[in-house]
Amino acid sequence: MKPDSVFKKAFNRTLQLIEAGDVDIGATSENALRARIGVSRTTVRKVLSELDARGITQASGNGPRAGRPILKSDYFPDLETTSKRQHVEEQFMEWMLRGDTQPGSLINELQLARQFGVATNGVREFLIRFSRFGLIEKKQNSGWLFKGFTEEFALELFEIRVMFELRSAVLFAELPDDSPLWTELAELKTAHQQLLLEIGRRFHDFSRLDNRLHRLINRAAPNRFIDDFYDVITLIFHYHYQWNKKDELQRNEAAIGEHLAYIDALFSGDTHEIERTCLRHMTSARTTLVRSLQGAA
């Protein structure tokens, strides 16, 4: 992680909770806030100290109390709250989605590094991780070659994705009520609803929401091998949305509806409904994937 990125992310999260009225800074204990945002006691104390230093809270005999209103400028930029690896991955996915990159395209490390605002070695590390899956290949003196993927490769990967996500979804519903993942899920639901209202001009943004939701669900059952493996899952199951442009808006709109049903099932804790909505969405994703691969072929 970048220096202080954990703190900055926790600080932003605390500001969101205060603005939403979900946290009364004067009545919430240090331990309660720590559990809510999922960080260490040291980080929470740093957050509280920063709130006081900025005048967002004020010290009093009975503990901190609300100070001035929170401004947009109080939030740390997204780039400062994510790891270098996560930032490069998100930027690479955005580049793939918006750039109509096709199998056989050359990938230039220096060009991407400048575009992403990172060092060249960050892009190189990311590409090396992907190269072991056979999706990209290092070409001597000419950068990297994007080779694309076969239907067989994608469907084998899909089977693993379904098995792991079903397990994670069931475990997600068993999380304690004070888990910060529930708050993140609620925020994602709101983001889906907002995107649905603006689908006509923002339908390309669904890919990023899709990635965020599935990664969040998988965090309920952390697994170091799946975490690493999910990089290639992300590339395939989000890149395929841009292969087939036909009915893209309608497909993404339908997928948002499936996501919202899936999210509601997670909140309900009903295992049968969780499995049903998860499999429904996965089946739709598989159908779109196969069509996209066949269309690309």
C-alpha atoms as a PDB file:
ATOM      1  CA  MET A   1       0.000   0.000   0.000  1.00  0.00           C
ATOM      2  CA  LYS A   2       1.122   3.568  -0.498  1.00  0.00           C
ATOM      3  CA  PRO A   3       2.276   5.337   2.676  1.00  0.00           C
ATOM      4  CA  ASP A   4      -0.757   6.160   4.811  1.00  0.00           C
ATOM      5  CA  SER A   5      -3.246   4.773   2.260  1.00  0.00           C
ATOM      6  CA  VAL A   6      -4.911   2.663   4.955  1.00  0.00           C
ATOM      7  CA  PHE A   7      -5.312   5.725   7.156  1.00  0.00           C
ATOM      8  CA  LYS A   8      -6.580   7.871   4.271  1.00  0.00           C
ATOM      9  CA  LYS A   9      -9.119   5.264   3.257  1.00  0.00           C
ATOM     10  CA  ALA A  10     -10.292   4.956   6.886  1.00  0.00           C
ATOM     11  CA  PHE A  11     -10.507   8.749   7.162  1.00  0.00           C
ATOM     12  CA  ASN A  12     -12.673   8.973   4.030  1.00  0.00           C
ATOM     13  CA  ARG A  13     -14.862   6.170   5.317  1.00  0.00           C
ATOM     14  CA  THR A  14     -15.343   7.963   8.635  1.00  0.00           C
ATOM     15  CA  LEU A  15     -16.325  11.176   6.843  1.00  0.00           C
ATOM     16  CA  GLN A  16     -18.918   9.209   4.837  1.00  0.00           C
ATOM     17  CA  LEU A  17     -20.390   7.697   8.003  1.00  0.00           C
ATOM     18  CA  ILE A  18     -20.587  11.087   9.712  1.00  0.00           C
ATOM     19  CA  GLU A  19     -22.222  12.741   6.697  1.00  0.00           C
ATOM     20  CA  ALA A  20     -24.744   9.909   6.367  1.00  0.00           C
ATOM     21  CA  GLY A  21     -25.641  10.193  10.059  1.00  0.00           C
ATOM     22  CA  ASP A  22     -24.544   6.618  10.680  1.00  0.00           C
ATOM     23  CA  VAL A  23     -21.980   7.663  13.271  1.00  0.00           C
ATOM     24  CA  ASP A  24     -22.388  10.186  16.073  1.00  0.00           C
ATOM     25  CA  ILE A  25     -18.778  11.132  16.657  1.00  0.00           C
ATOM     26  CA  GLY A  26     -19.539  12.272  20.200  1.00  0.00           C
ATOM     27  CA  ALA A  27     -21.375   9.092  21.200  1.00  0.00           C
ATOM     28  CA  THR A  28     -19.393   6.434  19.311  1.00  0.00           C
ATOM     29  CA  SER A  29     -16.541   4.843  21.213  1.00  0.00           C
ATOM     30  CA  GLU A  30     -13.099   4.347  19.738  1.00  0.00           C
ATOM     31  CA  ASN A  31     -13.596   0.573  19.696  1.00  0.00           C
ATOM     32  CA  ALA A  32     -17.003   0.851  18.025  1.00  0.00           C
ATOM     33  CA  LEU A  33     -15.597   3.080  15.287  1.00  0.00           C
ATOM     34  CA  ARG A  34     -12.642   0.746  14.834  1.00  0.00           C
ATOM     35  CA  ALA A  35     -14.989  -2.215  14.323  1.00  0.00           C
ATOM     36  CA  ARG A  36     -17.184  -0.205  11.974  1.00  0.00           C
ATOM     37  CA  ILE A  37     -14.428   0.769   9.566  1.00  0.00           C
ATOM     38  CA  GLY A  38     -12.333  -2.376  10.042  1.00  0.00           C
ATOM     39  CA  VAL A  39      -8.937  -0.938  10.990  1.00  0.00           C
ATOM     40  CA  SER A  40      -6.531  -1.006  13.926  1.00  0.00           C
ATOM     41  CA  ARG A  41      -6.850   1.074  17.084  1.00  0.00           C
ATOM     42  CA  THR A  42      -3.769   3.042  16.048  1.00  0.00           C
ATOM     43  CA  THR A  43      -5.379   3.986  12.735  1.00  0.00           C
ATOM     44  CA  VAL A  44      -8.632   4.999  14.425  1.00  0.00           C
ATOM     45  CA  ARG A  45      -6.761   7.280  16.807  1.00  0.00           C
ATOM     46  CA  LYS A  46      -4.988   8.855  13.845  1.00  0.00           C
ATOM     47  CA  VAL A  47      -8.354   9.406  12.145  1.00  0.00           C
ATOM     48  CA  LEU A  48      -9.818  11.034  15.261  1.00  0.00           C
ATOM     49  CA  SER A  49      -6.749  13.222  15.630  1.00  0.00           C
ATOM     50  CA  GLU A  50      -7.039  14.374  12.008  1.00  0.00           C
ATOM     51  CA  LEU A  51     -10.736  15.172  12.429  1.00  0.00           C
ATOM     52  CA  ASP A  52      -9.857  17.366  15.389  1.00  0.00           C
ATOM     53  CA  ALA A  53      -6.919  19.014  13.599  1.00  0.00           C
ATOM     54  CA  ARG A  54      -9.165  19.996  10.691  1.00  0.00           C
ATOM     55  CA  GLY A  55     -11.917  21.319  12.955  1.00  0.00           C
ATOM     56  CA  ILE A  56     -14.429  18.707  11.803  1.00  0.00           C
ATOM     57  CA  THR A  57     -14.667  17.718  15.461  1.00  0.00           C
ATOM     58  CA  GLN A  58     -13.910  19.728  18.562  1.00  0.00           C
ATOM     59  CA  ALA A  59     -12.562  18.525  21.865  1.00  0.00           C
ATOM     60  CA  SER A  60     -14.726  19.008  24.941  1.00  0.00           C
ATOM     61  CA  GLY A  61     -14.865  17.775  28.507  1.00  0.00           C
ATOM     62  CA  ASN A  62     -17.192  14.950  27.474  1.00  0.00           C
ATOM     63  CA  GLY A  63     -15.145  13.897  24.466  1.00  0.00           C
ATOM     64  CA  PRO A  64     -15.226  15.035  20.840  1.00  0.00           C
ATOM     65  CA  ARG A  65     -18.260  16.786  19.423  1.00  0.00           C
ATOM     66  CA  ALA A  66     -19.263  17.941  15.944  1.00  0.00           C
ATOM     67  CA  GLY A  67     -17.398  20.935  14.585  1.00  0.00           C
ATOM     68  CA  ARG A  68     -17.611  22.479  11.132  1.00  0.00           C
ATOM     69  CA  PRO A  69     -19.468  20.887   8.195  1.00  0.00           C
ATOM     70  CA  ILE A  70     -17.600  18.365   6.064  1.00  0.00           C
ATOM     71  CA  LEU A  71     -16.478  19.615   2.641  1.00  0.00           C
ATOM     72  CA  LYS A  72     -15.703  17.653  -0.524  1.00  0.00           C
ATOM     73  CA  SER A  73     -12.136  18.913  -0.226  1.00  0.00           C
ATOM     74  CA  ASP A  74     -11.793  17.076   3.112  1.00  0.00           C
ATOM     75  CA  TYR A  75     -11.757  13.733   1.325  1.00  0.00           C
ATOM     76  CA  PHE A  76      -8.440  12.281   0.180  1.00  0.00           C
ATOM     77  CA  PRO A  77      -8.311  11.577  -3.593  1.00  0.00           C
ATOM     78  CA  ASP A  78      -9.036   7.994  -4.683  1.00  0.00           C
ATOM     79  CA  LEU A  79      -5.478   7.591  -5.938  1.00  0.00           C
ATOM     80  CA  GLU A  80      -4.174   8.127  -2.394  1.00  0.00           C
ATOM     81  CA  THR A  81      -6.507   5.542  -0.822  1.00  0.00           C
ATOM     82  CA  THR A  82      -5.730   2.547  -3.030  1.00  0.00           C
ATOM     83  CA  SER A  83      -2.678   0.337  -3.322  1.00  0.00           C
ATOM     84  CA  LYS A  84      -0.436   0.718  -6.350  1.00  0.00           C
ATOM     85  CA  ARG A  85      -1.463  -2.744  -7.484  1.00  0.00           C
ATOM     86  CA  GLN A  86      -5.172  -1.972  -7.207  1.00  0.00           C
ATOM     87  CA  HIS A  87      -4.752   1.367  -8.959  1.00  0.00           C
ATOM     88  CA  VAL A  88      -2.883  -0.181 -11.901  1.00  0.00           C
ATOM     89  CA  GLU A  89      -5.457  -2.968 -12.175  1.00  0.00           C
ATOM     90  CA  GLU A  90      -8.388  -0.531 -12.201  1.00  0.00           C
ATOM     91  CA  GLN A  91      -6.695   1.727 -14.745  1.00  0.00           C
ATOM     92  CA  PHE A  92      -5.763  -1.231 -16.955  1.00  0.00           C
ATOM     93  CA  MET A  93      -9.338  -2.518 -16.869  1.00  0.00           C
ATOM     94  CA  GLU A  94     -10.625   0.938 -17.764  1.00  0.00           C
ATOM     95  CA  TRP A  95      -8.137   1.153 -20.627  1.00  0.00           C
ATOM     96  CA  MET A  96      -9.242  -2.246 -21.931  1.00  0.00           C
ATOM     97  CA  LEU A  97     -12.914  -1.345 -21.605  1.00  0.00           C
ATOM     98  CA  ARG A  98     -12.751   2.070 -23.242  1.00  0.00           C
ATOM     99  CA  GLY A  99     -10.035   1.394 -25.807  1.00  0.00           C
ATOM    100  CA  ASP A 100     -11.514  -1.421 -27.912  1.00  0.00           C
ATOM    101  CA  THR A 101      -8.318  -3.425 -27.477  1.00  0.00           C
ATOM    102  CA  GLN A 102      -8.397  -6.542 -29.633  1.00  0.00           C
ATOM    103  CA  PRO A 103      -6.402  -9.808 -29.543  1.00  0.00           C
ATOM    104  CA  GLY A 104      -3.096  -9.202 -31.287  1.00  0.00           C
ATOM    105  CA  SER A 105      -2.767  -5.648 -29.928  1.00  0.00           C
ATOM    106  CA  LEU A 106       0.600  -4.491 -28.605  1.00  0.00           C
ATOM    107  CA  ILE A 107       0.790  -3.153 -25.042  1.00  0.00           C
ATOM    108  CA  ASN A 108       3.410  -0.484 -24.348  1.00  0.00           C
ATOM    109  CA  GLU A 109       4.579  -0.305 -20.720  1.00  0.00           C
ATOM    110  CA  LEU A 110       5.834   3.276 -20.877  1.00  0.00           C
ATOM    111  CA  GLN A 111       2.701   4.564 -22.576  1.00  0.00           C
ATOM    112  CA  LEU A 112       0.434   2.900 -20.003  1.00  0.00           C
ATOM    113  CA  ALA A 113       2.582   4.111 -17.088  1.00  0.00           C
ATOM    114  CA  ARG A 114       2.240   7.708 -18.294  1.00  0.00           C
ATOM    115  CA  GLN A 115      -1.483   7.283 -18.846  1.00  0.00           C
ATOM    116  CA  PHE A 116      -2.037   5.695 -15.410  1.00  0.00           C
ATOM    117  CA  GLY A 117       0.235   8.138 -13.576  1.00  0.00           C
ATOM    118  CA  VAL A 118       2.445   5.402 -12.108  1.00  0.00           C
ATOM    119  CA  ALA A 119       6.010   4.165 -12.437  1.00  0.00           C
ATOM    120  CA  THR A 120       6.793   1.800 -15.312  1.00  0.00           C
ATOM    121  CA  ASN A 121       7.713  -1.010 -12.929  1.00  0.00           C
ATOM    122  CA  GLY A 122       4.167  -0.945 -11.503  1.00  0.00           C
ATOM    123  CA  VAL A 123       2.715  -1.656 -14.933  1.00  0.00           C
ATOM    124  CA  ARG A 124       5.407  -4.256 -15.622  1.00  0.00           C
ATOM    125  CA  GLU A 125       4.658  -6.145 -12.377  1.00  0.00           C
ATOM    126  CA  PHE A 126       0.983  -6.201 -13.277  1.00  0.00           C
ATOM    127  CA  LEU A 127       1.654  -7.544 -16.791  1.00  0.00           C
ATOM    128  CA  ILE A 128       4.048 -10.196 -15.502  1.00  0.00           C
ATOM    129  CA  ARG A 129       1.343 -11.525 -13.167  1.00  0.00           C
ATOM    130  CA  PHE A 130      -1.014 -11.909 -16.103  1.00  0.00           C
ATOM    131  CA  SER A 131       1.567 -13.462 -18.395  1.00  0.00           C
ATOM    132  CA  ARG A 132       1.574 -16.748 -16.493  1.00  0.00           C
ATOM    133  CA  PHE A 133      -2.025 -17.344 -17.539  1.00  0.00           C
ATOM    134  CA  GLY A 134      -1.071 -17.152 -21.209  1.00  0.00           C
ATOM    135  CA  LEU A 135      -3.284 -14.144 -21.912  1.00  0.00           C
ATOM    136  CA  ILE A 136      -0.418 -11.788 -22.683  1.00  0.00           C
ATOM    137  CA  GLU A 137       3.086 -12.493 -23.902  1.00  0.00           C
ATOM    138  CA  LYS A 138       6.332 -10.531 -23.647  1.00  0.00           C
ATOM    139  CA  LYS A 139       7.739  -9.767 -27.071  1.00  0.00           C
ATOM    140  CA  GLN A 140      11.439  -8.987 -27.345  1.00  0.00           C
ATOM    141  CA  ASN A 141      12.048  -5.303 -28.091  1.00  0.00           C
ATOM    142  CA  SER A 142       8.360  -4.686 -28.858  1.00  0.00           C
ATOM    143  CA  GLY A 143       6.522  -4.608 -25.522  1.00  0.00           C
ATOM    144  CA  TRP A 144       3.724  -6.989 -24.733  1.00  0.00           C
ATOM    145  CA  LEU A 145       1.279  -8.808 -26.997  1.00  0.00           C
ATOM    146  CA  PHE A 146      -2.347  -9.224 -25.911  1.00  0.00           C
ATOM    147  CA  LYS A 147      -3.256 -12.723 -27.121  1.00  0.00           C
ATOM    148  CA  GLY A 148      -6.905 -12.887 -26.066  1.00  0.00           C
ATOM    149  CA  PHE A 149      -8.590 -15.998 -24.696  1.00  0.00           C
ATOM    150  CA  THR A 150     -10.388 -19.063 -25.966  1.00  0.00           C
ATOM    151  CA  GLU A 151     -13.904 -20.141 -25.073  1.00  0.00           C
ATOM    152  CA  GLU A 152     -12.555 -23.308 -23.424  1.00  0.00           C
ATOM    153  CA  PHE A 153     -10.199 -21.292 -21.200  1.00  0.00           C
ATOM    154  CA  ALA A 154     -12.938 -18.875 -20.168  1.00  0.00           C
ATOM    155  CA  LEU A 155     -15.514 -21.545 -19.346  1.00  0.00           C
ATOM    156  CA  GLU A 156     -13.073 -23.554 -17.237  1.00  0.00           C
ATOM    157  CA  LEU A 157     -12.360 -20.370 -15.308  1.00  0.00           C
ATOM    158  CA  PHE A 158     -16.081 -19.708 -15.004  1.00  0.00           C
ATOM    159  CA  GLU A 159     -16.661 -23.041 -13.214  1.00  0.00           C
ATOM    160  CA  ILE A 160     -14.130 -22.097 -10.555  1.00  0.00           C
ATOM    161  CA  ARG A 161     -15.638 -18.650 -10.186  1.00  0.00           C
ATOM    162  CA  VAL A 162     -19.133 -20.033  -9.546  1.00  0.00           C
ATOM    163  CA  MET A 163     -17.960 -22.568  -6.950  1.00  0.00           C
ATOM    164  CA  PHE A 164     -15.972 -20.037  -4.971  1.00  0.00           C
ATOM    165  CA  GLU A 165     -18.509 -17.228  -5.137  1.00  0.00           C
ATOM    166  CA  LEU A 166     -21.399 -19.428  -4.009  1.00  0.00           C
ATOM    167  CA  ARG A 167     -19.395 -20.380  -0.940  1.00  0.00           C
ATOM    168  CA  SER A 168     -18.417 -16.762  -0.280  1.00  0.00           C
ATOM    169  CA  ALA A 169     -21.991 -15.498  -0.706  1.00  0.00           C
ATOM    170  CA  VAL A 170     -23.346 -17.926   1.891  1.00  0.00           C
ATOM    171  CA  LEU A 171     -20.564 -16.971   4.322  1.00  0.00           C
ATOM    172  CA  PHE A 172     -21.222 -13.274   3.652  1.00  0.00           C
ATOM    173  CA  ALA A 173     -24.757 -13.660   4.995  1.00  0.00           C
ATOM    174  CA  GLU A 174     -23.288 -15.075   8.223  1.00  0.00           C
ATOM    175  CA  LEU A 175     -21.098 -12.030   8.912  1.00  0.00           C
ATOM    176  CA  PRO A 176     -21.745 -10.254  12.235  1.00  0.00           C
ATOM    177  CA  ASP A 177     -24.019  -7.223  12.095  1.00  0.00           C
ATOM    178  CA  ASP A 178     -21.137  -4.863  12.883  1.00  0.00           C
ATOM    179  CA  SER A 179     -18.954  -6.076  10.000  1.00  0.00           C
ATOM    180  CA  PRO A 180     -17.874  -3.111   7.807  1.00  0.00           C
ATOM    181  CA  LEU A 181     -18.650  -5.249   4.748  1.00  0.00           C
ATOM    182  CA  TRP A 182     -22.381  -4.668   5.330  1.00  0.00           C
ATOM    183  CA  THR A 183     -21.872  -0.923   5.093  1.00  0.00           C
ATOM    184  CA  GLU A 184     -19.892  -1.334   1.880  1.00  0.00           C
ATOM    185  CA  LEU A 185     -22.664  -3.542   0.493  1.00  0.00           C
ATOM    186  CA  ALA A 186     -25.260  -0.877   1.301  1.00  0.00           C
ATOM    187  CA  GLU A 187     -23.133   1.729  -0.461  1.00  0.00           C
ATOM    188  CA  LEU A 188     -22.855  -0.512  -3.501  1.00  0.00           C
ATOM    189  CA  LYS A 189     -26.621  -0.915  -3.561  1.00  0.00           C
ATOM    190  CA  THR A 190     -27.011   2.856  -3.636  1.00  0.00           C
ATOM    191  CA  ALA A 191     -24.405   3.109  -6.406  1.00  0.00           C
ATOM    192  CA  HIS A 192     -26.329   0.526  -8.463  1.00  0.00           C
ATOM    193  CA  GLN A 193     -29.590   2.391  -7.991  1.00  0.00           C
ATOM    194  CA  GLN A 194     -27.948   5.652  -9.046  1.00  0.00           C
ATOM    195  CA  LEU A 195     -26.422   4.067 -12.129  1.00  0.00           C
ATOM    196  CA  LEU A 196     -29.802   2.628 -13.069  1.00  0.00           C
ATOM    197  CA  LEU A 197     -31.241   6.156 -13.048  1.00  0.00           C
ATOM    198  CA  GLU A 198     -28.458   7.338 -15.376  1.00  0.00           C
ATOM    199  CA  ILE A 199     -28.063   4.163 -17.428  1.00  0.00           C
ATOM    200  CA  GLY A 200     -28.560   5.891 -20.771  1.00  0.00           C
ATOM    201  CA  ARG A 201     -25.297   7.843 -20.549  1.00  0.00           C
ATOM    202  CA  ARG A 202     -23.340   5.774 -18.007  1.00  0.00           C
ATOM    203  CA  PHE A 203     -23.932   2.159 -18.991  1.00  0.00           C
ATOM    204  CA  HIS A 204     -20.173   1.620 -19.515  1.00  0.00           C
ATOM    205  CA  ASP A 205     -19.694   2.234 -15.772  1.00  0.00           C
ATOM    206  CA  PHE A 206     -21.422  -1.035 -14.898  1.00  0.00           C
ATOM    207  CA  SER A 207     -18.235  -3.028 -15.441  1.00  0.00           C
ATOM    208  CA  ARG A 208     -16.514  -1.284 -12.526  1.00  0.00           C
ATOM    209  CA  LEU A 209     -19.531  -1.800 -10.225  1.00  0.00           C
ATOM    210  CA  ASP A 210     -19.653  -5.461 -11.213  1.00  0.00           C
ATOM    211  CA  ASN A 211     -16.021  -5.875 -10.266  1.00  0.00           C
ATOM    212  CA  ARG A 212     -16.527  -4.108  -6.923  1.00  0.00           C
ATOM    213  CA  LEU A 213     -19.530  -6.216  -5.940  1.00  0.00           C
ATOM    214  CA  HIS A 214     -17.983  -9.587  -6.681  1.00  0.00           C
ATOM    215  CA  ARG A 215     -14.716  -8.693  -4.998  1.00  0.00           C
ATOM    216  CA  LEU A 216     -16.634  -7.513  -1.920  1.00  0.00           C
ATOM    217  CA  ILE A 217     -18.559 -10.796  -1.696  1.00  0.00           C
ATOM    218  CA  ASN A 218     -15.357 -12.804  -1.985  1.00  0.00           C
ATOM    219  CA  ARG A 219     -13.845 -10.843   0.915  1.00  0.00           C
ATOM    220  CA  ALA A 220     -16.234 -12.724   3.217  1.00  0.00           C
ATOM    221  CA  ALA A 221     -14.077 -15.808   2.691  1.00  0.00           C
ATOM    222  CA  PRO A 222     -10.489 -14.557   2.227  1.00  0.00           C
ATOM    223  CA  ASN A 223      -8.284 -16.947   0.294  1.00  0.00           C
ATOM    224  CA  ARG A 224      -4.809 -15.872  -0.855  1.00  0.00           C
ATOM    225  CA  PHE A 225      -4.906 -18.126  -3.909  1.00  0.00           C
ATOM    226  CA  ILE A 226      -8.320 -16.936  -5.062  1.00  0.00           C
ATOM    227  CA  ASP A 227      -7.360 -13.307  -4.389  1.00  0.00           C
ATOM    228  CA  ASP A 228      -4.455 -13.627  -6.801  1.00  0.00           C
ATOM    229  CA  PHE A 229      -6.440 -15.738  -9.233  1.00  0.00           C
ATOM    230  CA  TYR A 230      -9.231 -13.143  -9.284  1.00  0.00           C
ATOM    231  CA  ASP A 231      -7.073 -10.781 -11.325  1.00  0.00           C
ATOM    232  CA  VAL A 232      -7.522 -12.949 -14.393  1.00  0.00           C
ATOM    233  CA  ILE A 233     -11.177 -13.614 -13.533  1.00  0.00           C
ATOM    234  CA  THR A 234     -11.704  -9.851 -13.454  1.00  0.00           C
ATOM    235  CA  LEU A 235     -10.037  -9.336 -16.801  1.00  0.00           C
ATOM    236  CA  ILE A 236     -12.170 -11.923 -18.569  1.00  0.00           C
ATOM    237  CA  PHE A 237     -15.528 -11.313 -16.946  1.00  0.00           C
ATOM    238  CA  HIS A 238     -15.379  -7.549 -17.304  1.00  0.00           C
ATOM    239  CA  TYR A 239     -13.484  -7.230 -20.531  1.00  0.00           C
ATOM    240  CA  HIS A 240     -16.064  -9.366 -22.334  1.00  0.00           C
ATOM    241  CA  TYR A 241     -18.654  -6.609 -21.887  1.00  0.00           C
ATOM    242  CA  GLN A 242     -16.825  -4.492 -24.449  1.00  0.00           C
ATOM    243  CA  TRP A 243     -16.325  -7.252 -27.021  1.00  0.00           C
ATOM    244  CA  ASN A 244     -19.962  -7.446 -27.990  1.00  0.00           C
ATOM    245  CA  LYS A 245     -21.415  -3.957 -28.419  1.00  0.00           C
ATOM    246  CA  LYS A 246     -24.839  -5.257 -29.448  1.00  0.00           C
ATOM    247  CA  ASP A 247     -27.506  -4.487 -26.815  1.00  0.00           C
ATOM    248  CA  GLU A 248     -24.773  -3.427 -24.376  1.00  0.00           C
ATOM    249  CA  LEU A 249     -26.984  -0.888 -22.631  1.00  0.00           C
ATOM    250  CA  GLN A 250     -29.862  -3.360 -22.264  1.00  0.00           C
ATOM    251  CA  ARG A 251     -27.570  -6.133 -21.031  1.00  0.00           C
ATOM    252  CA  ASN A 252     -25.975  -3.929 -18.414  1.00  0.00           C
ATOM    253  CA  GLU A 253     -29.359  -2.622 -17.300  1.00  0.00           C
ATOM    254  CA  ALA A 254     -30.605  -6.194 -16.826  1.00  0.00           C
ATOM    255  CA  ALA A 255     -27.423  -7.122 -14.965  1.00  0.00           C
ATOM    256  CA  ILE A 256     -27.934  -4.217 -12.550  1.00  0.00           C
ATOM    257  CA  GLY A 257     -31.379  -5.636 -11.745  1.00  0.00           C
ATOM    258  CA  GLU A 258     -29.793  -9.027 -11.084  1.00  0.00           C
ATOM    259  CA  HIS A 259     -27.205  -7.410  -8.822  1.00  0.00           C
ATOM    260  CA  LEU A 260     -29.854  -5.592  -6.799  1.00  0.00           C
ATOM    261  CA  ALA A 261     -31.787  -8.845  -6.297  1.00  0.00           C
ATOM    262  CA  TYR A 262     -28.529 -10.558  -5.278  1.00  0.00           C
ATOM    263  CA  ILE A 263     -27.696  -7.760  -2.806  1.00  0.00           C
ATOM    264  CA  ASP A 264     -31.187  -7.926  -1.267  1.00  0.00           C
ATOM    265  CA  ALA A 265     -30.802 -11.693  -0.881  1.00  0.00           C
ATOM    266  CA  LEU A 266     -27.518 -11.191   0.987  1.00  0.00           C
ATOM    267  CA  PHE A 267     -29.194  -8.741   3.350  1.00  0.00           C
ATOM    268  CA  SER A 268     -32.062 -11.204   3.908  1.00  0.00           C
ATOM    269  CA  GLY A 269     -29.725 -13.988   5.017  1.00  0.00           C
ATOM    270  CA  ASP A 270     -31.914 -16.529   3.171  1.00  0.00           C
ATOM    271  CA  THR A 271     -29.443 -19.151   1.904  1.00  0.00           C
ATOM    272  CA  HIS A 272     -31.835 -20.498  -0.724  1.00  0.00           C
ATOM    273  CA  GLU A 273     -32.495 -17.004  -2.113  1.00  0.00           C
ATOM    274  CA  ILE A 274     -28.784 -16.160  -2.063  1.00  0.00           C
ATOM    275  CA  GLU A 275     -27.938 -19.260  -4.095  1.00  0.00           C
ATOM    276  CA  ARG A 276     -30.836 -18.631  -6.510  1.00  0.00           C
ATOM    277  CA  THR A 277     -29.959 -14.999  -7.228  1.00  0.00           C
ATOM    278  CA  CYS A 278     -26.237 -15.744  -7.411  1.00  0.00           C
ATOM    279  CA  LEU A 279     -26.722 -18.563  -9.931  1.00  0.00           C
ATOM    280  CA  ARG A 280     -29.200 -16.495 -11.932  1.00  0.00           C
ATOM    281  CA  HIS A 281     -26.667 -13.708 -12.340  1.00  0.00           C
ATOM    282  CA  MET A 282     -23.808 -16.133 -13.054  1.00  0.00           C
ATOM    283  CA  THR A 283     -25.876 -17.880 -15.719  1.00  0.00           C
ATOM    284  CA  SER A 284     -26.572 -14.561 -17.441  1.00  0.00           C
ATOM    285  CA  ALA A 285     -22.887 -13.647 -17.271  1.00  0.00           C
ATOM    286  CA  ARG A 286     -21.931 -17.004 -18.761  1.00  0.00           C
ATOM    287  CA  THR A 287     -24.390 -16.560 -21.639  1.00  0.00           C
ATOM    288  CA  THR A 288     -23.032 -13.083 -22.413  1.00  0.00           C
ATOM    289  CA  LEU A 289     -19.477 -14.373 -22.187  1.00  0.00           C
ATOM    290  CA  VAL A 290     -20.074 -17.203 -24.659  1.00  0.00           C
ATOM    291  CA  ARG A 291     -21.813 -14.886 -27.113  1.00  0.00           C
ATOM    292  CA  SER A 292     -19.005 -12.376 -26.844  1.00  0.00           C
ATOM    293  CA  LEU A 293     -16.345 -15.002 -27.462  1.00  0.00           C
ATOM    294  CA  GLN A 294     -18.218 -16.438 -30.420  1.00  0.00           C
ATOM    295  CA  GLY A 295     -18.746 -12.954 -31.834  1.00  0.00           C
ATOM    296  CA  ALA A 296     -15.038 -12.154 -31.442  1.00  0.00           C
ATOM    297  CA  ALA A 297     -14.157 -15.409 -33.181  1.00  0.00           C
END
